[in-house]
Amino acid sequence: MIFIVSGPSGAGKSTLVAALLARHPDLTLSVSCTTRAPRPGERDGREYRFVAADEFERRRSEDEFAEWAEVHGALYGTARAPLDDAIGLGRDMLLDIDVQGARQLKRSYQEAAVAVMVLPPSWQELERRLRTRRTEDEATIARRLARAREEARAFLDYDYWIVNAEVEASIGVLDAVVTAERARVGRVVVEALG
């Protein structure tokens, strides 16, 4: 399966994803490509694969991405080969991607994709979180807040949603989603019961 976690910047997706990976070491994190510059503390190949715009464009034109989007002036994309390989081998993947990418993957991978929207408890709290990071200027924060309201409207397209007010409770909900989806009768392979 492909577990997709998305939501507005500052909603707490990265924190929840890291905790979920610690609880489910059998999940493989998909590392997206991006043309944006690394933030302090980010390492190439860990949070993202940082690539030049011309390389991204080449890979996009060669249909190497299962999804891609332009977000806040930078390009982001998920390589197709690791997703297809994981599905073929019966491994579950975890993706931390934006709303546009989630839509594309839900269309392409249909029943194999489970999408979870993470939302902040309030718009005021989201603004506080973005400012506390101290990684963006005022114009960028304003863009992120405006985009967050647009992205939040897409939550009805998702399978699950989490209001991330309290981190431990939100981690518990995300963990429960993974456990429940893995136990769905529709996902059981009949030959395995044989």
C-alpha atoms as a PDB file:
ATOM      1  CA  MET A   1       0.000   0.000   0.000  1.00  0.00           C
ATOM      2  CA  ILE A   2       0.927   3.616  -0.385  1.00  0.00           C
ATOM      3  CA  PHE A   3       0.156   5.686   2.711  1.00  0.00           C
ATOM      4  CA  ILE A   4      -0.042   9.366   1.814  1.00  0.00           C
ATOM      5  CA  VAL A   5       0.201  12.024   4.520  1.00  0.00           C
ATOM      6  CA  SER A   6      -0.437  15.576   3.414  1.00  0.00           C
ATOM      7  CA  GLY A   7      -1.737  18.894   4.636  1.00  0.00           C
ATOM      8  CA  PRO A   8      -0.733  22.501   5.043  1.00  0.00           C
ATOM      9  CA  SER A   9       2.844  23.479   5.769  1.00  0.00           C
ATOM     10  CA  GLY A  10       3.157  23.730   9.552  1.00  0.00           C
ATOM     11  CA  ALA A  11       0.364  21.245  10.343  1.00  0.00           C
ATOM     12  CA  GLY A  12       2.896  18.788  11.777  1.00  0.00           C
ATOM     13  CA  LYS A  13       3.142  16.193   8.993  1.00  0.00           C
ATOM     14  CA  SER A  14       6.889  15.620   9.365  1.00  0.00           C
ATOM     15  CA  THR A  15       6.609  15.010  13.105  1.00  0.00           C
ATOM     16  CA  LEU A  16       3.792  12.494  12.614  1.00  0.00           C
ATOM     17  CA  VAL A  17       5.587  10.747   9.746  1.00  0.00           C
ATOM     18  CA  ALA A  18       8.789  10.367  11.794  1.00  0.00           C
ATOM     19  CA  ALA A  19       6.840   8.897  14.710  1.00  0.00           C
ATOM     20  CA  LEU A  20       4.936   6.515  12.441  1.00  0.00           C
ATOM     21  CA  LEU A  21       8.186   5.255  10.910  1.00  0.00           C
ATOM     22  CA  ALA A  22       9.537   4.593  14.406  1.00  0.00           C
ATOM     23  CA  ARG A  23       6.430   2.509  15.212  1.00  0.00           C
ATOM     24  CA  HIS A  24       6.387   0.720  11.848  1.00  0.00           C
ATOM     25  CA  PRO A  25       9.971   0.042  10.728  1.00  0.00           C
ATOM     26  CA  ASP A  26       8.560  -2.075   7.886  1.00  0.00           C
ATOM     27  CA  LEU A  27       7.215   1.110   6.232  1.00  0.00           C
ATOM     28  CA  THR A  28       9.527   2.633   3.632  1.00  0.00           C
ATOM     29  CA  LEU A  29       9.628   6.418   3.402  1.00  0.00           C
ATOM     30  CA  SER A  30       9.519   7.760  -0.125  1.00  0.00           C
ATOM     31  CA  VAL A  31      11.986  10.620  -0.467  1.00  0.00           C
ATOM     32  CA  SER A  32      10.701  13.243  -2.902  1.00  0.00           C
ATOM     33  CA  CYS A  33      12.811  15.301  -5.271  1.00  0.00           C
ATOM     34  CA  THR A  34      12.705  19.087  -5.010  1.00  0.00           C
ATOM     35  CA  THR A  35      14.302  22.104  -6.619  1.00  0.00           C
ATOM     36  CA  ARG A  36      14.120  24.173  -3.432  1.00  0.00           C
ATOM     37  CA  ALA A  37      17.219  24.832  -1.361  1.00  0.00           C
ATOM     38  CA  PRO A  38      17.752  22.715   1.768  1.00  0.00           C
ATOM     39  CA  ARG A  39      16.632  24.232   5.077  1.00  0.00           C
ATOM     40  CA  PRO A  40      19.064  24.231   8.003  1.00  0.00           C
ATOM     41  CA  GLY A  41      19.563  20.672   9.232  1.00  0.00           C
ATOM     42  CA  GLU A  42      18.185  18.997   6.093  1.00  0.00           C
ATOM     43  CA  ARG A  43      20.365  16.464   4.315  1.00  0.00           C
ATOM     44  CA  ASP A  44      20.165  15.354   0.699  1.00  0.00           C
ATOM     45  CA  GLY A  45      18.562  11.918   0.471  1.00  0.00           C
ATOM     46  CA  ARG A  46      17.026  12.104   3.936  1.00  0.00           C
ATOM     47  CA  GLU A  47      14.290  14.762   3.829  1.00  0.00           C
ATOM     48  CA  TYR A  48      14.446  15.323   0.062  1.00  0.00           C
ATOM     49  CA  ARG A  49      16.624  14.698  -2.939  1.00  0.00           C
ATOM     50  CA  PHE A  50      17.705  18.227  -3.816  1.00  0.00           C
ATOM     51  CA  VAL A  51      18.085  18.581  -7.581  1.00  0.00           C
ATOM     52  CA  ALA A  52      18.690  21.394 -10.046  1.00  0.00           C
ATOM     53  CA  ALA A  53      15.691  22.669 -12.015  1.00  0.00           C
ATOM     54  CA  ASP A  54      17.071  21.359 -15.320  1.00  0.00           C
ATOM     55  CA  GLU A  55      17.498  17.847 -13.896  1.00  0.00           C
ATOM     56  CA  PHE A  56      13.971  17.940 -12.488  1.00  0.00           C
ATOM     57  CA  GLU A  57      12.608  19.041 -15.893  1.00  0.00           C
ATOM     58  CA  ARG A  58      14.526  16.260 -17.655  1.00  0.00           C
ATOM     59  CA  ARG A  59      13.174  13.620 -15.282  1.00  0.00           C
ATOM     60  CA  ARG A  60       9.648  15.020 -15.593  1.00  0.00           C
ATOM     61  CA  SER A  61       9.813  14.979 -19.412  1.00  0.00           C
ATOM     62  CA  GLU A  62      10.963  11.339 -19.272  1.00  0.00           C
ATOM     63  CA  ASP A  63       7.887  10.483 -17.124  1.00  0.00           C
ATOM     64  CA  GLU A  64       9.998   9.413 -14.147  1.00  0.00           C
ATOM     65  CA  PHE A  65       7.628  10.986 -11.601  1.00  0.00           C
ATOM     66  CA  ALA A  66       4.433   9.340 -10.354  1.00  0.00           C
ATOM     67  CA  GLU A  67       3.347  12.826  -9.306  1.00  0.00           C
ATOM     68  CA  TRP A  68       4.806  16.295  -9.371  1.00  0.00           C
ATOM     69  CA  ALA A  69       3.702  19.779  -8.435  1.00  0.00           C
ATOM     70  CA  GLU A  70       4.911  23.320  -8.119  1.00  0.00           C
ATOM     71  CA  VAL A  71       4.538  24.504  -4.536  1.00  0.00           C
ATOM     72  CA  HIS A  72       5.649  27.898  -3.212  1.00  0.00           C
ATOM     73  CA  GLY A  73       7.801  28.455  -6.301  1.00  0.00           C
ATOM     74  CA  ALA A  74       9.685  25.155  -6.116  1.00  0.00           C
ATOM     75  CA  LEU A  75       9.110  21.868  -7.941  1.00  0.00           C
ATOM     76  CA  TYR A  76       8.461  18.641  -6.010  1.00  0.00           C
ATOM     77  CA  GLY A  77       8.087  15.121  -7.398  1.00  0.00           C
ATOM     78  CA  THR A  78       7.826  11.483  -6.344  1.00  0.00           C
ATOM     79  CA  ALA A  79       9.862   9.015  -8.368  1.00  0.00           C
ATOM     80  CA  ARG A  80       7.652   6.351  -9.950  1.00  0.00           C
ATOM     81  CA  ALA A  81      10.096   3.392  -9.878  1.00  0.00           C
ATOM     82  CA  PRO A  82      10.361   2.984  -6.068  1.00  0.00           C
ATOM     83  CA  LEU A  83       6.559   3.058  -5.705  1.00  0.00           C
ATOM     84  CA  ASP A  84       6.009   0.482  -8.433  1.00  0.00           C
ATOM     85  CA  ASP A  85       8.809  -1.707  -7.057  1.00  0.00           C
ATOM     86  CA  ALA A  86       7.356  -1.575  -3.525  1.00  0.00           C
ATOM     87  CA  ILE A  87       3.871  -2.522  -4.719  1.00  0.00           C
ATOM     88  CA  GLY A  88       5.297  -5.359  -6.804  1.00  0.00           C
ATOM     89  CA  LEU A  89       7.205  -6.683  -3.783  1.00  0.00           C
ATOM     90  CA  GLY A  90       4.296  -6.225  -1.356  1.00  0.00           C
ATOM     91  CA  ARG A  91       6.021  -3.494   0.687  1.00  0.00           C
ATOM     92  CA  ASP A  92       4.161  -0.506   2.081  1.00  0.00           C
ATOM     93  CA  MET A  93       5.396   2.996   1.282  1.00  0.00           C
ATOM     94  CA  LEU A  94       4.839   6.212   3.239  1.00  0.00           C
ATOM     95  CA  LEU A  95       4.741   9.560   1.476  1.00  0.00           C
ATOM     96  CA  ASP A  96       4.712  13.083   2.920  1.00  0.00           C
ATOM     97  CA  ILE A  97       3.427  15.090  -0.056  1.00  0.00           C
ATOM     98  CA  ASP A  98       1.201  18.049  -0.877  1.00  0.00           C
ATOM     99  CA  VAL A  99      -2.487  18.003  -1.822  1.00  0.00           C
ATOM    100  CA  GLN A 100      -1.809  18.164  -5.581  1.00  0.00           C
ATOM    101  CA  GLY A 101       0.469  15.150  -5.407  1.00  0.00           C
ATOM    102  CA  ALA A 102      -1.979  13.223  -3.241  1.00  0.00           C
ATOM    103  CA  ARG A 103      -4.707  13.708  -5.859  1.00  0.00           C
ATOM    104  CA  GLN A 104      -2.433  12.461  -8.620  1.00  0.00           C
ATOM    105  CA  LEU A 105      -1.386   9.374  -6.661  1.00  0.00           C
ATOM    106  CA  LYS A 106      -4.963   8.537  -5.637  1.00  0.00           C
ATOM    107  CA  ARG A 107      -5.909   8.607  -9.340  1.00  0.00           C
ATOM    108  CA  SER A 108      -2.917   6.536 -10.454  1.00  0.00           C
ATOM    109  CA  TYR A 109      -2.741   3.978  -7.653  1.00  0.00           C
ATOM    110  CA  GLN A 110      -6.451   3.935  -6.675  1.00  0.00           C
ATOM    111  CA  GLU A 111      -7.100   1.173  -4.121  1.00  0.00           C
ATOM    112  CA  ALA A 112      -3.404   0.848  -3.256  1.00  0.00           C
ATOM    113  CA  ALA A 113      -3.333   4.464  -1.997  1.00  0.00           C
ATOM    114  CA  VAL A 114      -4.620   5.574   1.406  1.00  0.00           C
ATOM    115  CA  ALA A 115      -4.625   9.332   1.956  1.00  0.00           C
ATOM    116  CA  VAL A 116      -4.556  11.089   5.339  1.00  0.00           C
ATOM    117  CA  MET A 117      -4.993  14.865   5.657  1.00  0.00           C
ATOM    118  CA  VAL A 118      -3.296  16.515   8.643  1.00  0.00           C
ATOM    119  CA  LEU A 119      -4.832  19.816   9.717  1.00  0.00           C
ATOM    120  CA  PRO A 120      -3.817  22.333  12.383  1.00  0.00           C
ATOM    121  CA  PRO A 121      -6.178  22.893  15.334  1.00  0.00           C
ATOM    122  CA  SER A 122      -6.712  26.513  14.225  1.00  0.00           C
ATOM    123  CA  TRP A 123      -5.416  29.044  11.713  1.00  0.00           C
ATOM    124  CA  GLN A 124      -3.892  31.031  14.582  1.00  0.00           C
ATOM    125  CA  GLU A 125      -1.960  27.980  15.743  1.00  0.00           C
ATOM    126  CA  LEU A 126      -0.767  27.317  12.197  1.00  0.00           C
ATOM    127  CA  GLU A 127       0.552  30.868  11.930  1.00  0.00           C
ATOM    128  CA  ARG A 128       2.283  30.503  15.305  1.00  0.00           C
ATOM    129  CA  ARG A 129       3.962  27.256  14.158  1.00  0.00           C
ATOM    130  CA  LEU A 130       5.163  28.797  10.902  1.00  0.00           C
ATOM    131  CA  ARG A 131       6.610  31.812  12.713  1.00  0.00           C
ATOM    132  CA  THR A 132       8.273  29.627  15.372  1.00  0.00           C
ATOM    133  CA  ARG A 133      10.232  27.758  12.681  1.00  0.00           C
ATOM    134  CA  ARG A 134      11.971  31.023  11.720  1.00  0.00           C
ATOM    135  CA  THR A 135      12.755  29.648   8.249  1.00  0.00           C
ATOM    136  CA  GLU A 136      10.613  31.965   6.090  1.00  0.00           C
ATOM    137  CA  ASP A 137      10.146  35.678   5.592  1.00  0.00           C
ATOM    138  CA  GLU A 138       6.797  37.477   6.000  1.00  0.00           C
ATOM    139  CA  ALA A 139       5.828  37.138   2.333  1.00  0.00           C
ATOM    140  CA  THR A 140       6.449  33.390   2.404  1.00  0.00           C
ATOM    141  CA  ILE A 141       4.460  32.968   5.616  1.00  0.00           C
ATOM    142  CA  ALA A 142       1.551  34.901   4.090  1.00  0.00           C
ATOM    143  CA  ARG A 143       1.655  32.652   0.989  1.00  0.00           C
ATOM    144  CA  ARG A 144       1.771  29.512   3.113  1.00  0.00           C
ATOM    145  CA  LEU A 145      -1.210  30.657   5.206  1.00  0.00           C
ATOM    146  CA  ALA A 146      -3.269  31.464   2.101  1.00  0.00           C
ATOM    147  CA  ARG A 147      -2.353  28.123   0.533  1.00  0.00           C
ATOM    148  CA  ALA A 148      -3.192  26.295   3.768  1.00  0.00           C
ATOM    149  CA  ARG A 149      -6.813  27.432   3.541  1.00  0.00           C
ATOM    150  CA  GLU A 150      -6.989  26.237  -0.074  1.00  0.00           C
ATOM    151  CA  GLU A 151      -5.448  22.867   0.788  1.00  0.00           C
ATOM    152  CA  ALA A 152      -7.744  22.346   3.766  1.00  0.00           C
ATOM    153  CA  ARG A 153     -10.755  22.471   1.447  1.00  0.00           C
ATOM    154  CA  ALA A 154      -9.520  19.233  -0.148  1.00  0.00           C
ATOM    155  CA  PHE A 155      -9.930  17.159   3.006  1.00  0.00           C
ATOM    156  CA  LEU A 156     -13.149  15.573   1.723  1.00  0.00           C
ATOM    157  CA  ASP A 157     -11.085  13.915  -1.032  1.00  0.00           C
ATOM    158  CA  TYR A 158      -9.093  12.037   1.616  1.00  0.00           C
ATOM    159  CA  ASP A 159      -9.755   8.716   3.298  1.00  0.00           C
ATOM    160  CA  TYR A 160      -8.908  10.038   6.784  1.00  0.00           C
ATOM    161  CA  TRP A 161      -8.197  13.331   8.496  1.00  0.00           C
ATOM    162  CA  ILE A 162      -6.388  14.263  11.699  1.00  0.00           C
ATOM    163  CA  VAL A 163      -6.600  17.579  13.539  1.00  0.00           C
ATOM    164  CA  ASN A 164      -3.089  17.761  14.987  1.00  0.00           C
ATOM    165  CA  ALA A 165      -3.774  19.552  18.262  1.00  0.00           C
ATOM    166  CA  GLU A 166      -1.914  17.101  20.507  1.00  0.00           C
ATOM    167  CA  VAL A 167       0.991  15.243  18.920  1.00  0.00           C
ATOM    168  CA  GLU A 168       0.761  11.930  20.818  1.00  0.00           C
ATOM    169  CA  ALA A 169      -2.968  11.609  20.140  1.00  0.00           C
ATOM    170  CA  SER A 170      -2.410  12.414  16.453  1.00  0.00           C
ATOM    171  CA  ILE A 171       0.348   9.801  16.228  1.00  0.00           C
ATOM    172  CA  GLY A 172      -2.062   7.290  17.754  1.00  0.00           C
ATOM    173  CA  VAL A 173      -4.695   8.057  15.117  1.00  0.00           C
ATOM    174  CA  LEU A 174      -2.181   7.752  12.260  1.00  0.00           C
ATOM    175  CA  ASP A 175      -0.901   4.473  13.709  1.00  0.00           C
ATOM    176  CA  ALA A 176      -4.499   3.206  13.926  1.00  0.00           C
ATOM    177  CA  VAL A 177      -5.096   4.096  10.261  1.00  0.00           C
ATOM    178  CA  VAL A 178      -2.107   2.009   9.169  1.00  0.00           C
ATOM    179  CA  THR A 179      -3.130  -0.911  11.380  1.00  0.00           C
ATOM    180  CA  ALA A 180      -6.769  -0.801  10.220  1.00  0.00           C
ATOM    181  CA  GLU A 181      -5.914  -0.496   6.521  1.00  0.00           C
ATOM    182  CA  ARG A 182      -3.543  -3.438   6.723  1.00  0.00           C
ATOM    183  CA  ALA A 183      -6.338  -5.503   8.324  1.00  0.00           C
ATOM    184  CA  ARG A 184      -9.085  -4.610   5.814  1.00  0.00           C
ATOM    185  CA  VAL A 185     -10.681  -7.697   4.366  1.00  0.00           C
ATOM    186  CA  GLY A 186     -10.509  -6.175   0.876  1.00  0.00           C
ATOM    187  CA  ARG A 187      -6.715  -6.120   1.130  1.00  0.00           C
ATOM    188  CA  VAL A 188      -6.303  -9.768   2.127  1.00  0.00           C
ATOM    189  CA  VAL A 189      -4.674 -11.839  -0.582  1.00  0.00           C
ATOM    190  CA  VAL A 190      -6.707 -15.021  -0.878  1.00  0.00           C
ATOM    191  CA  GLU A 191      -3.684 -17.120  -1.896  1.00  0.00           C
ATOM    192  CA  ALA A 192      -1.977 -16.165   1.383  1.00  0.00           C
ATOM    193  CA  LEU A 193      -4.830 -17.811   3.315  1.00  0.00           C
ATOM    194  CA  GLY A 194      -4.631 -20.918   1.192  1.00  0.00           C
END
